[in-house]
PDB file of N, CA and C in Angstrom:
ATOM      1  N   MET A   1     165.542 123.650  66.628  1.00  0.00           N
ATOM      2  CA  MET A   1     164.169 123.210  66.751  1.00  0.00           C
ATOM      3  C   MET A   1     163.784 123.187  68.223  1.00  0.00           C
ATOM      4  N   SER A   2     162.590 123.580  68.509  1.00  0.00           N
ATOM      5  CA  SER A   2     162.081 123.505  69.876  1.00  0.00           C
ATOM      6  C   SER A   2     161.937 122.052  70.276  1.00  0.00           C
ATOM      7  N   GLY A   3     161.944 121.807  71.580  1.00  0.00           N
ATOM      8  CA  GLY A   3     161.781 120.448  72.084  1.00  0.00           C
ATOM      9  C   GLY A   3     160.453 119.850  71.665  1.00  0.00           C
ATOM     10  N   LEU A   4     160.493 118.586  71.286  1.00  0.00           N
ATOM     11  CA  LEU A   4     159.266 117.877  70.926  1.00  0.00           C
ATOM     12  C   LEU A   4     158.465 117.561  72.184  1.00  0.00           C
ATOM     13  N   LEU A   5     157.149 117.586  72.067  1.00  0.00           N
ATOM     14  CA  LEU A   5     156.294 117.177  73.172  1.00  0.00           C
ATOM     15  C   LEU A   5     156.074 115.670  73.068  1.00  0.00           C
ATOM     16  N   THR A   6     156.179 114.999  74.203  1.00  0.00           N
ATOM     17  CA  THR A   6     155.925 113.567  74.295  1.00  0.00           C
ATOM     18  C   THR A   6     154.979 113.339  75.465  1.00  0.00           C
ATOM     19  N   THR A   7     154.617 112.090  75.673  1.00  0.00           N
ATOM     20  CA  THR A   7     153.770 111.784  76.830  1.00  0.00           C
ATOM     21  C   THR A   7     154.504 112.024  78.135  1.00  0.00           C
ATOM     22  N   ALA A   8     155.834 112.193  78.085  1.00  0.00           N
ATOM     23  CA  ALA A   8     156.618 112.505  79.283  1.00  0.00           C
ATOM     24  C   ALA A   8     156.729 114.011  79.525  1.00  0.00           C
ATOM     25  N   SER A   9     156.254 114.836  78.600  1.00  0.00           N
ATOM     26  CA  SER A   9     156.298 116.289  78.769  1.00  0.00           C
ATOM     27  C   SER A   9     155.352 116.715  79.883  1.00  0.00           C
ATOM     28  N   THR A  10     155.658 117.837  80.500  1.00  0.00           N
ATOM     29  CA  THR A  10     154.802 118.380  81.549  1.00  0.00           C
ATOM     30  C   THR A  10     153.992 119.530  80.972  1.00  0.00           C
ATOM     31  N   LEU A  11     152.674 119.355  80.931  1.00  0.00           N
ATOM     32  CA  LEU A  11     151.752 120.360  80.402  1.00  0.00           C
ATOM     33  C   LEU A  11     150.716 120.674  81.482  1.00  0.00           C
ATOM     34  N   LEU A  12     150.390 121.974  81.616  1.00  0.00           N
ATOM     35  CA  LEU A  12     149.439 122.419  82.629  1.00  0.00           C
ATOM     36  C   LEU A  12     148.463 123.422  82.031  1.00  0.00           C
ATOM     37  N   CYS A  13     147.259 123.506  82.608  1.00  0.00           N
ATOM     38  CA  CYS A  13     146.357 124.593  82.240  1.00  0.00           C
ATOM     39  C   CYS A  13     146.790 125.811  83.054  1.00  0.00           C
ATOM     40  N   PRO A  14     146.339 127.014  82.693  1.00  0.00           N
ATOM     41  CA  PRO A  14     146.770 128.215  83.421  1.00  0.00           C
ATOM     42  C   PRO A  14     146.296 128.265  84.872  1.00  0.00           C
ATOM     43  N   HIS A  15     145.428 127.336  85.263  1.00  0.00           N
ATOM     44  CA  HIS A  15     144.870 127.341  86.616  1.00  0.00           C
ATOM     45  C   HIS A  15     145.413 126.186  87.453  1.00  0.00           C
ATOM     46  N   GLY A  16     146.448 125.528  86.953  1.00  0.00           N
ATOM     47  CA  GLY A  16     147.106 124.469  87.713  1.00  0.00           C
ATOM     48  C   GLY A  16     146.664 123.060  87.416  1.00  0.00           C
ATOM     49  N   GLY A  17     145.726 122.879  86.482  1.00  0.00           N
ATOM     50  CA  GLY A  17     145.293 121.534  86.116  1.00  0.00           C
ATOM     51  C   GLY A  17     146.384 120.804  85.338  1.00  0.00           C
ATOM     52  N   THR A  18     146.404 119.495  85.445  1.00  0.00           N
ATOM     53  CA  THR A  18     147.403 118.666  84.778  1.00  0.00           C
ATOM     54  C   THR A  18     146.839 118.095  83.481  1.00  0.00           C
ATOM     55  N   VAL A  19     147.626 118.225  82.403  1.00  0.00           N
ATOM     56  CA  VAL A  19     147.227 117.702  81.101  1.00  0.00           C
ATOM     57  C   VAL A  19     147.786 116.299  80.946  1.00  0.00           C
ATOM     58  N   THR A  20     146.912 115.361  80.566  1.00  0.00           N
ATOM     59  CA  THR A  20     147.321 114.000  80.247  1.00  0.00           C
ATOM     60  C   THR A  20     147.051 113.785  78.766  1.00  0.00           C
ATOM     61  N   ALA A  21     148.106 113.427  78.035  1.00  0.00           N
ATOM     62  CA  ALA A  21     147.989 113.276  76.581  1.00  0.00           C
ATOM     63  C   ALA A  21     147.947 111.813  76.183  1.00  0.00           C
ATOM     64  N   THR A  22     147.043 111.499  75.267  1.00  0.00           N
ATOM     65  CA  THR A  22     146.979 110.184  74.647  1.00  0.00           C
ATOM     66  C   THR A  22     147.422 110.368  73.206  1.00  0.00           C
ATOM     67  N   PRO A  23     148.596 109.811  72.849  1.00  0.00           N
ATOM     68  CA  PRO A  23     149.147 110.058  71.515  1.00  0.00           C
ATOM     69  C   PRO A  23     148.367 109.350  70.413  1.00  0.00           C
ATOM     70  N   ALA A  24     148.352 109.967  69.236  1.00  0.00           N
ATOM     71  CA  ALA A  24     147.777 109.356  68.045  1.00  0.00           C
ATOM     72  C   ALA A  24     148.876 108.671  67.241  1.00  0.00           C
ATOM     73  N   SER A  25     150.131 108.946  67.594  1.00  0.00           N
ATOM     74  CA  SER A  25     151.293 108.414  66.901  1.00  0.00           C
ATOM     75  C   SER A  25     151.924 107.295  67.717  1.00  0.00           C
ATOM     76  N   THR A  26     152.560 106.344  67.027  1.00  0.00           N
ATOM     77  CA  THR A  26     153.286 105.283  67.721  1.00  0.00           C
ATOM     78  C   THR A  26     154.785 105.557  67.734  1.00  0.00           C
ATOM     79  N   ASN A  27     155.214 106.688  67.179  1.00  0.00           N
ATOM     80  CA  ASN A  27     156.637 107.049  67.177  1.00  0.00           C
ATOM     81  C   ASN A  27     157.073 107.393  68.592  1.00  0.00           C
ATOM     82  N   VAL A  28     158.281 106.948  68.951  1.00  0.00           N
ATOM     83  CA  VAL A  28     158.790 107.108  70.307  1.00  0.00           C
ATOM     84  C   VAL A  28     160.145 107.804  70.278  1.00  0.00           C
ATOM     85  N   ILE A  29     160.345 108.737  71.213  1.00  0.00           N
ATOM     86  CA  ILE A  29     161.643 109.381  71.419  1.00  0.00           C
ATOM     87  C   ILE A  29     161.970 109.257  72.895  1.00  0.00           C
ATOM     88  N   ALA A  30     163.161 108.769  73.197  1.00  0.00           N
ATOM     89  CA  ALA A  30     163.621 108.612  74.583  1.00  0.00           C
ATOM     90  C   ALA A  30     162.610 107.846  75.425  1.00  0.00           C
ATOM     91  N   GLY A  31     161.974 106.830  74.820  1.00  0.00           N
ATOM     92  CA  GLY A  31     161.057 105.969  75.552  1.00  0.00           C
ATOM     93  C   GLY A  31     159.645 106.480  75.723  1.00  0.00           C
ATOM     94  N   ALA A  32     159.313 107.636  75.128  1.00  0.00           N
ATOM     95  CA  ALA A  32     157.961 108.200  75.276  1.00  0.00           C
ATOM     96  C   ALA A  32     157.373 108.514  73.903  1.00  0.00           C
ATOM     97  N   PRO A  33     156.103 108.176  73.675  1.00  0.00           N
ATOM     98  CA  PRO A  33     155.464 108.497  72.400  1.00  0.00           C
ATOM     99  C   PRO A  33     155.438 110.003  72.126  1.00  0.00           C
ATOM    100  N   VAL A  34     155.706 110.362  70.872  1.00  0.00           N
ATOM    101  CA  VAL A  34     155.709 111.760  70.436  1.00  0.00           C
ATOM    102  C   VAL A  34     154.266 112.211  70.235  1.00  0.00           C
ATOM    103  N   LEU A  35     153.972 113.462  70.612  1.00  0.00           N
ATOM    104  CA  LEU A  35     152.626 114.008  70.447  1.00  0.00           C
ATOM    105  C   LEU A  35     152.501 114.764  69.137  1.00  0.00           C
ATOM    106  N   THR A  36     151.375 114.585  68.486  1.00  0.00           N
ATOM    107  CA  THR A  36     151.049 115.320  67.273  1.00  0.00           C
ATOM    108  C   THR A  36     149.776 116.114  67.512  1.00  0.00           C
ATOM    109  N   GLU A  37     149.419 116.906  66.520  1.00  0.00           N
ATOM    110  CA  GLU A  37     148.198 117.714  66.600  1.00  0.00           C
ATOM    111  C   GLU A  37     146.962 116.846  66.869  1.00  0.00           C
ATOM    112  N   SER A  38     147.020 115.565  66.496  1.00  0.00           N
ATOM    113  CA  SER A  38     145.887 114.651  66.668  1.00  0.00           C
ATOM    114  C   SER A  38     145.790 114.032  68.053  1.00  0.00           C
ATOM    115  N   ALA A  39     146.754 114.298  68.923  1.00  0.00           N
ATOM    116  CA  ALA A  39     146.726 113.725  70.277  1.00  0.00           C
ATOM    117  C   ALA A  39     145.506 114.223  71.035  1.00  0.00           C
ATOM    118  N   THR A  40     144.955 113.357  71.874  1.00  0.00           N
ATOM    119  CA  THR A  40     143.858 113.739  72.756  1.00  0.00           C
ATOM    120  C   THR A  40     144.472 114.194  74.071  1.00  0.00           C
ATOM    121  N   CYS A  41     144.180 115.423  74.476  1.00  0.00           N
ATOM    122  CA  CYS A  41     144.765 115.996  75.696  1.00  0.00           C
ATOM    123  C   CYS A  41     143.643 116.376  76.663  1.00  0.00           C
ATOM    124  N   MET A  42     143.549 115.630  77.764  1.00  0.00           N
ATOM    125  CA  MET A  42     142.529 115.866  78.775  1.00  0.00           C
ATOM    126  C   MET A  42     143.160 116.552  79.992  1.00  0.00           C
ATOM    127  N   ILE A  43     142.371 117.362  80.693  1.00  0.00           N
ATOM    128  CA  ILE A  43     142.858 118.130  81.837  1.00  0.00           C
ATOM    129  C   ILE A  43     142.103 117.697  83.097  1.00  0.00           C
ATOM    130  N   ALA A  44     142.852 117.481  84.168  1.00  0.00           N
ATOM    131  CA  ALA A  44     142.252 117.138  85.464  1.00  0.00           C
ATOM    132  C   ALA A  44     142.810 118.078  86.522  1.00  0.00           C
ATOM    133  N   GLY A  45     142.002 118.398  87.512  1.00  0.00           N
ATOM    134  CA  GLY A  45     142.466 119.194  88.641  1.00  0.00           C
ATOM    135  C   GLY A  45     142.473 120.691  88.433  1.00  0.00           C
ATOM    136  N   CYS A  46     141.766 121.189  87.420  1.00  0.00           N
ATOM    137  CA  CYS A  46     141.697 122.627  87.176  1.00  0.00           C
ATOM    138  C   CYS A  46     140.772 123.265  88.211  1.00  0.00           C
ATOM    139  N   ALA A  47     141.242 124.353  88.820  1.00  0.00           N
ATOM    140  CA  ALA A  47     140.484 125.023  89.880  1.00  0.00           C
ATOM    141  C   ALA A  47     139.796 126.306  89.418  1.00  0.00           C
ATOM    142  N   PHE A  48     139.657 126.526  88.100  1.00  0.00           N
ATOM    143  CA  PHE A  48     139.091 127.774  87.589  1.00  0.00           C
ATOM    144  C   PHE A  48     137.624 127.919  87.994  1.00  0.00           C
ATOM    145  N   VAL A  49     137.270 129.140  88.432  1.00  0.00           N
ATOM    146  CA  VAL A  49     135.909 129.456  88.857  1.00  0.00           C
ATOM    147  C   VAL A  49     135.498 130.763  88.198  1.00  0.00           C
ATOM    148  N   VAL A  50     134.276 130.808  87.650  1.00  0.00           N
ATOM    149  CA  VAL A  50     133.711 132.035  87.093  1.00  0.00           C
ATOM    150  C   VAL A  50     132.650 132.502  88.087  1.00  0.00           C
ATOM    151  N   GLY A  51     132.935 133.608  88.778  1.00  0.00           N
ATOM    152  CA  GLY A  51     132.050 134.055  89.858  1.00  0.00           C
ATOM    153  C   GLY A  51     132.119 133.048  90.977  1.00  0.00           C
ATOM    154  N   THR A  52     131.033 132.321  91.195  1.00  0.00           N
ATOM    155  CA  THR A  52     131.019 131.256  92.192  1.00  0.00           C
ATOM    156  C   THR A  52     130.812 129.886  91.562  1.00  0.00           C
ATOM    157  N   VAL A  53     130.815 129.843  90.231  1.00  0.00           N
ATOM    158  CA  VAL A  53     130.541 128.597  89.508  1.00  0.00           C
ATOM    159  C   VAL A  53     131.845 127.962  89.031  1.00  0.00           C
ATOM    160  N   PRO A  54     132.126 126.719  89.447  1.00  0.00           N
ATOM    161  CA  PRO A  54     133.310 126.033  88.936  1.00  0.00           C
ATOM    162  C   PRO A  54     133.226 125.903  87.412  1.00  0.00           C
ATOM    163  N   SER A  55     134.311 126.208  86.746  1.00  0.00           N
ATOM    164  CA  SER A  55     134.379 126.126  85.285  1.00  0.00           C
ATOM    165  C   SER A  55     135.748 125.576  84.877  1.00  0.00           C
ATOM    166  N   PRO A  56     136.032 124.331  85.247  1.00  0.00           N
ATOM    167  CA  PRO A  56     137.372 123.793  85.004  1.00  0.00           C
ATOM    168  C   PRO A  56     137.682 123.584  83.521  1.00  0.00           C
ATOM    169  N   CYS A  57     138.960 123.725  83.203  1.00  0.00           N
ATOM    170  CA  CYS A  57     139.448 123.345  81.881  1.00  0.00           C
ATOM    171  C   CYS A  57     139.344 121.825  81.784  1.00  0.00           C
ATOM    172  N   VAL A  58     138.935 121.307  80.617  1.00  0.00           N
ATOM    173  CA  VAL A  58     138.775 119.859  80.479  1.00  0.00           C
ATOM    174  C   VAL A  58     139.583 119.262  79.328  1.00  0.00           C
ATOM    175  N   THR A  59     139.944 120.072  78.348  1.00  0.00           N
ATOM    176  CA  THR A  59     140.679 119.561  77.200  1.00  0.00           C
ATOM    177  C   THR A  59     141.556 120.653  76.596  1.00  0.00           C
ATOM    178  N   VAL A  60     142.467 120.241  75.702  1.00  0.00           N
ATOM    179  CA  VAL A  60     143.334 121.187  74.996  1.00  0.00           C
ATOM    180  C   VAL A  60     143.023 121.105  73.508  1.00  0.00           C
ATOM    181  N   GLN A  61     142.848 122.260  72.884  1.00  0.00           N
ATOM    182  CA  GLN A  61     142.678 122.359  71.437  1.00  0.00           C
ATOM    183  C   GLN A  61     143.948 123.006  70.887  1.00  0.00           C
ATOM    184  N   TRP A  62     144.686 122.274  70.068  1.00  0.00           N
ATOM    185  CA  TRP A  62     145.937 122.796  69.505  1.00  0.00           C
ATOM    186  C   TRP A  62     145.616 123.661  68.307  1.00  0.00           C
ATOM    187  N   VAL A  63     146.037 124.930  68.352  1.00  0.00           N
ATOM    188  CA  VAL A  63     145.733 125.880  67.280  1.00  0.00           C
ATOM    189  C   VAL A  63     146.952 126.224  66.435  1.00  0.00           C
ATOM    190  N   ALA A  64     148.149 125.927  66.935  1.00  0.00           N
ATOM    191  CA  ALA A  64     149.370 126.207  66.174  1.00  0.00           C
ATOM    192  C   ALA A  64     150.410 125.122  66.464  1.00  0.00           C
ATOM    193  N   PRO A  65     150.312 123.981  65.757  1.00  0.00           N
ATOM    194  CA  PRO A  65     151.330 122.941  65.919  1.00  0.00           C
ATOM    195  C   PRO A  65     152.603 123.352  65.174  1.00  0.00           C
ATOM    196  N   ALA A  66     153.579 122.468  65.150  1.00  0.00           N
ATOM    197  CA  ALA A  66     154.824 122.753  64.432  1.00  0.00           C
ATOM    198  C   ALA A  66     154.546 122.949  62.945  1.00  0.00           C
ATOM    199  N   ALA A  67     155.197 123.926  62.349  1.00  0.00           N
ATOM    200  CA  ALA A  67     155.005 124.213  60.926  1.00  0.00           C
ATOM    201  C   ALA A  67     155.898 123.350  60.033  1.00  0.00           C
ATOM    202  N   ARG A  68     157.034 122.907  60.560  1.00  0.00           N
ATOM    203  CA  ARG A  68     158.000 122.198  59.722  1.00  0.00           C
ATOM    204  C   ARG A  68     158.311 120.778  60.164  1.00  0.00           C
ATOM    205  N   VAL A  69     157.690 120.326  61.232  1.00  0.00           N
ATOM    206  CA  VAL A  69     157.952 118.975  61.731  1.00  0.00           C
ATOM    207  C   VAL A  69     156.642 118.207  61.736  1.00  0.00           C
ATOM    208  N   SER A  70     156.651 117.029  61.105  1.00  0.00           N
ATOM    209  CA  SER A  70     155.452 116.204  61.121  1.00  0.00           C
ATOM    210  C   SER A  70     155.832 114.764  61.431  1.00  0.00           C
ATOM    211  N   ILE A  71     154.894 114.035  61.966  1.00  0.00           N
ATOM    212  CA  ILE A  71     155.044 112.620  62.280  1.00  0.00           C
ATOM    213  C   ILE A  71     153.943 111.902  61.510  1.00  0.00           C
ATOM    214  N   GLY A  72     154.337 111.089  60.555  1.00  0.00           N
ATOM    215  CA  GLY A  72     153.331 110.380  59.754  1.00  0.00           C
ATOM    216  C   GLY A  72     152.400 111.312  59.014  1.00  0.00           C
ATOM    217  N   GLY A  73     152.886 112.477  58.629  1.00  0.00           N
ATOM    218  CA  GLY A  73     152.079 113.433  57.885  1.00  0.00           C
ATOM    219  C   GLY A  73     151.239 114.362  58.740  1.00  0.00           C
ATOM    220  N   THR A  74     151.269 114.190  60.046  1.00  0.00           N
ATOM    221  CA  THR A  74     150.512 115.053  60.961  1.00  0.00           C
ATOM    222  C   THR A  74     151.484 115.980  61.678  1.00  0.00           C
ATOM    223  N   PRO A  75     151.175 117.274  61.758  1.00  0.00           N
ATOM    224  CA  PRO A  75     152.083 118.199  62.443  1.00  0.00           C
ATOM    225  C   PRO A  75     152.380 117.759  63.877  1.00  0.00           C
ATOM    226  N   ALA A  76     153.664 117.807  64.230  1.00  0.00           N
ATOM    227  CA  ALA A  76     154.095 117.471  65.589  1.00  0.00           C
ATOM    228  C   ALA A  76     153.813 118.631  66.529  1.00  0.00           C
ATOM    229  N   LEU A  77     153.865 118.348  67.821  1.00  0.00           N
ATOM    230  CA  LEU A  77     153.753 119.390  68.832  1.00  0.00           C
ATOM    231  C   LEU A  77     155.133 119.627  69.427  1.00  0.00           C
ATOM    232  N   THR A  78     155.499 120.905  69.560  1.00  0.00           N
ATOM    233  CA  THR A  78     156.787 121.299  70.120  1.00  0.00           C
ATOM    234  C   THR A  78     156.556 122.324  71.227  1.00  0.00           C
ATOM    235  N   ALA A  79     157.644 122.739  71.862  1.00  0.00           N
ATOM    236  CA  ALA A  79     157.549 123.763  72.910  1.00  0.00           C
ATOM    237  C   ALA A  79     157.013 125.077  72.357  1.00  0.00           C
ATOM    238  N   ALA A  80     157.113 125.277  71.042  1.00  0.00           N
ATOM    239  CA  ALA A  80     156.615 126.506  70.425  1.00  0.00           C
ATOM    240  C   ALA A  80     155.149 126.386  69.992  1.00  0.00           C
ATOM    241  N   SER A  81     154.560 125.209  70.106  1.00  0.00           N
ATOM    242  CA  SER A  81     153.160 125.017  69.713  1.00  0.00           C
ATOM    243  C   SER A  81     152.235 125.777  70.657  1.00  0.00           C
ATOM    244  N   VAL A  82     151.082 126.157  70.131  1.00  0.00           N
ATOM    245  CA  VAL A  82     150.095 126.897  70.922  1.00  0.00           C
ATOM    246  C   VAL A  82     148.837 126.047  71.054  1.00  0.00           C
ATOM    247  N   GLY A  83     148.418 125.851  72.299  1.00  0.00           N
ATOM    248  CA  GLY A  83     147.193 125.131  72.571  1.00  0.00           C
ATOM    249  C   GLY A  83     146.321 125.938  73.503  1.00  0.00           C
ATOM    250  N   LEU A  84     145.014 125.864  73.305  1.00  0.00           N
ATOM    251  CA  LEU A  84     144.072 126.562  74.177  1.00  0.00           C
ATOM    252  C   LEU A  84     143.395 125.552  75.092  1.00  0.00           C
ATOM    253  N   CYS A  85     143.318 125.881  76.371  1.00  0.00           N
ATOM    254  CA  CYS A  85     142.599 125.062  77.331  1.00  0.00           C
ATOM    255  C   CYS A  85     141.119 125.417  77.197  1.00  0.00           C
ATOM    256  N   ILE A  86     140.297 124.383  77.068  1.00  0.00           N
ATOM    257  CA  ILE A  86     138.874 124.563  76.798  1.00  0.00           C
ATOM    258  C   ILE A  86     138.064 124.042  77.983  1.00  0.00           C
ATOM    259  N   GLY A  87     137.058 124.825  78.391  1.00  0.00           N
ATOM    260  CA  GLY A  87     136.166 124.423  79.474  1.00  0.00           C
ATOM    261  C   GLY A  87     135.055 123.522  78.965  1.00  0.00           C
ATOM    262  N   ALA A  88     134.262 122.982  79.879  1.00  0.00           N
ATOM    263  CA  ALA A  88     133.164 122.078  79.523  1.00  0.00           C
ATOM    264  C   ALA A  88     132.129 122.743  78.623  1.00  0.00           C
ATOM    265  N   THR A  89     132.020 124.080  78.696  1.00  0.00           N
ATOM    266  CA  THR A  89     131.055 124.797  77.858  1.00  0.00           C
ATOM    267  C   THR A  89     131.592 125.034  76.441  1.00  0.00           C
ATOM    268  N   GLY A  90     132.873 124.687  76.219  1.00  0.00           N
ATOM    269  CA  GLY A  90     133.500 124.924  74.915  1.00  0.00           C
ATOM    270  C   GLY A  90     134.230 126.248  74.836  1.00  0.00           C
ATOM    271  N   ALA A  91     134.232 127.005  75.925  1.00  0.00           N
ATOM    272  CA  ALA A  91     134.887 128.318  75.941  1.00  0.00           C
ATOM    273  C   ALA A  91     136.384 128.176  76.188  1.00  0.00           C
ATOM    274  N   PRO A  92     137.208 128.909  75.402  1.00  0.00           N
ATOM    275  CA  PRO A  92     138.647 128.925  75.686  1.00  0.00           C
ATOM    276  C   PRO A  92     138.904 129.637  77.009  1.00  0.00           C
ATOM    277  N   GLN A  93     139.837 129.065  77.810  1.00  0.00           N
ATOM    278  CA  GLN A  93     140.081 129.607  79.142  1.00  0.00           C
ATOM    279  C   GLN A  93     141.546 129.935  79.381  1.00  0.00           C
ATOM    280  N   GLY A  94     142.333 129.981  78.313  1.00  0.00           N
ATOM    281  CA  GLY A  94     143.729 130.354  78.432  1.00  0.00           C
ATOM    282  C   GLY A  94     144.637 129.364  77.725  1.00  0.00           C
ATOM    283  N   PRO A  95     145.891 129.758  77.523  1.00  0.00           N
ATOM    284  CA  PRO A  95     146.835 128.891  76.807  1.00  0.00           C
ATOM    285  C   PRO A  95     147.390 127.784  77.708  1.00  0.00           C
ATOM    286  N   VAL A  96     147.667 126.642  77.081  1.00  0.00           N
ATOM    287  CA  VAL A  96     148.325 125.559  77.807  1.00  0.00           C
ATOM    288  C   VAL A  96     149.742 126.013  78.161  1.00  0.00           C
ATOM    289  N   GLN A  97     150.204 125.629  79.343  1.00  0.00           N
ATOM    290  CA  GLN A  97     151.547 125.957  79.806  1.00  0.00           C
ATOM    291  C   GLN A  97     152.433 124.738  79.580  1.00  0.00           C
ATOM    292  N   ILE A  98     153.493 124.896  78.801  1.00  0.00           N
ATOM    293  CA  ILE A  98     154.410 123.797  78.521  1.00  0.00           C
ATOM    294  C   ILE A  98     155.614 123.962  79.434  1.00  0.00           C
ATOM    295  N   ALA A  99     155.722 123.070  80.433  1.00  0.00           N
ATOM    296  CA  ALA A  99     156.764 123.207  81.449  1.00  0.00           C
ATOM    297  C   ALA A  99     158.012 122.393  81.162  1.00  0.00           C
ATOM    298  N   ALA A 100     157.881 121.273  80.443  1.00  0.00           N
ATOM    299  CA  ALA A 100     159.045 120.429  80.151  1.00  0.00           C
ATOM    300  C   ALA A 100     158.814 119.672  78.858  1.00  0.00           C
ATOM    301  N   THR A 101     159.881 119.532  78.050  1.00  0.00           N
ATOM    302  CA  THR A 101     159.793 118.838  76.755  1.00  0.00           C
ATOM    303  C   THR A 101     160.966 117.899  76.575  1.00  0.00           C
ATOM    304  N   GLN A 102     160.919 117.129  75.492  1.00  0.00           N
ATOM    305  CA  GLN A 102     162.050 116.308  75.066  1.00  0.00           C
ATOM    306  C   GLN A 102     162.940 117.209  74.242  1.00  0.00           C
ATOM    307  N   THR A 103     164.155 117.459  74.682  1.00  0.00           N
ATOM    308  CA  THR A 103     165.014 118.416  73.989  1.00  0.00           C
ATOM    309  C   THR A 103     166.020 117.780  73.058  1.00  0.00           C
ATOM    310  N   ALA A 104     166.269 116.510  73.173  1.00  0.00           N
ATOM    311  CA  ALA A 104     167.260 115.876  72.309  1.00  0.00           C
ATOM    312  C   ALA A 104     166.842 114.458  71.997  1.00  0.00           C
ATOM    313  N   ALA A 105     167.234 114.001  70.841  1.00  0.00           N
ATOM    314  CA  ALA A 105     166.989 112.633  70.432  1.00  0.00           C
ATOM    315  C   ALA A 105     168.301 112.029  69.986  1.00  0.00           C
ATOM    316  N   THR A 106     168.474 110.753  70.274  1.00  0.00           N
ATOM    317  CA  THR A 106     169.681 110.053  69.813  1.00  0.00           C
ATOM    318  C   THR A 106     169.269 108.846  69.017  1.00  0.00           C
ATOM    319  N   GLY A 107     170.140 108.381  68.159  1.00  0.00           N
ATOM    320  CA  GLY A 107     169.831 107.212  67.345  1.00  0.00           C
ATOM    321  C   GLY A 107     171.042 106.325  67.238  1.00  0.00           C
ATOM    322  N   GLN A 108     170.807 105.120  66.738  1.00  0.00           N
ATOM    323  CA  GLN A 108     171.905 104.174  66.547  1.00  0.00           C
ATOM    324  C   GLN A 108     172.042 103.835  65.084  1.00  0.00           C
TER     325      GLN A 108
END
């Protein structure tokens, strides 16, 4: 299984903006809440420009969450999930870059 995405995962827009996720789930792995398709993902610091007009990515729309892993009935997000970075106009501006994930879980 691909690594699960948590609030500790590193996610970026293709233009260097940082994604901050607010989880919809209260499930925790390694001290960080697990992200599901319902998580709110906001982007800050995107430097994308169309011509001379700033057009920063502002949010992530998940289009392909995990097919076989769910948290509370909602598909989980993994390193294999696909999300599109969306600009303020609603236009897709490229795929989210997943730089780091939770790769292992332990239990007692």
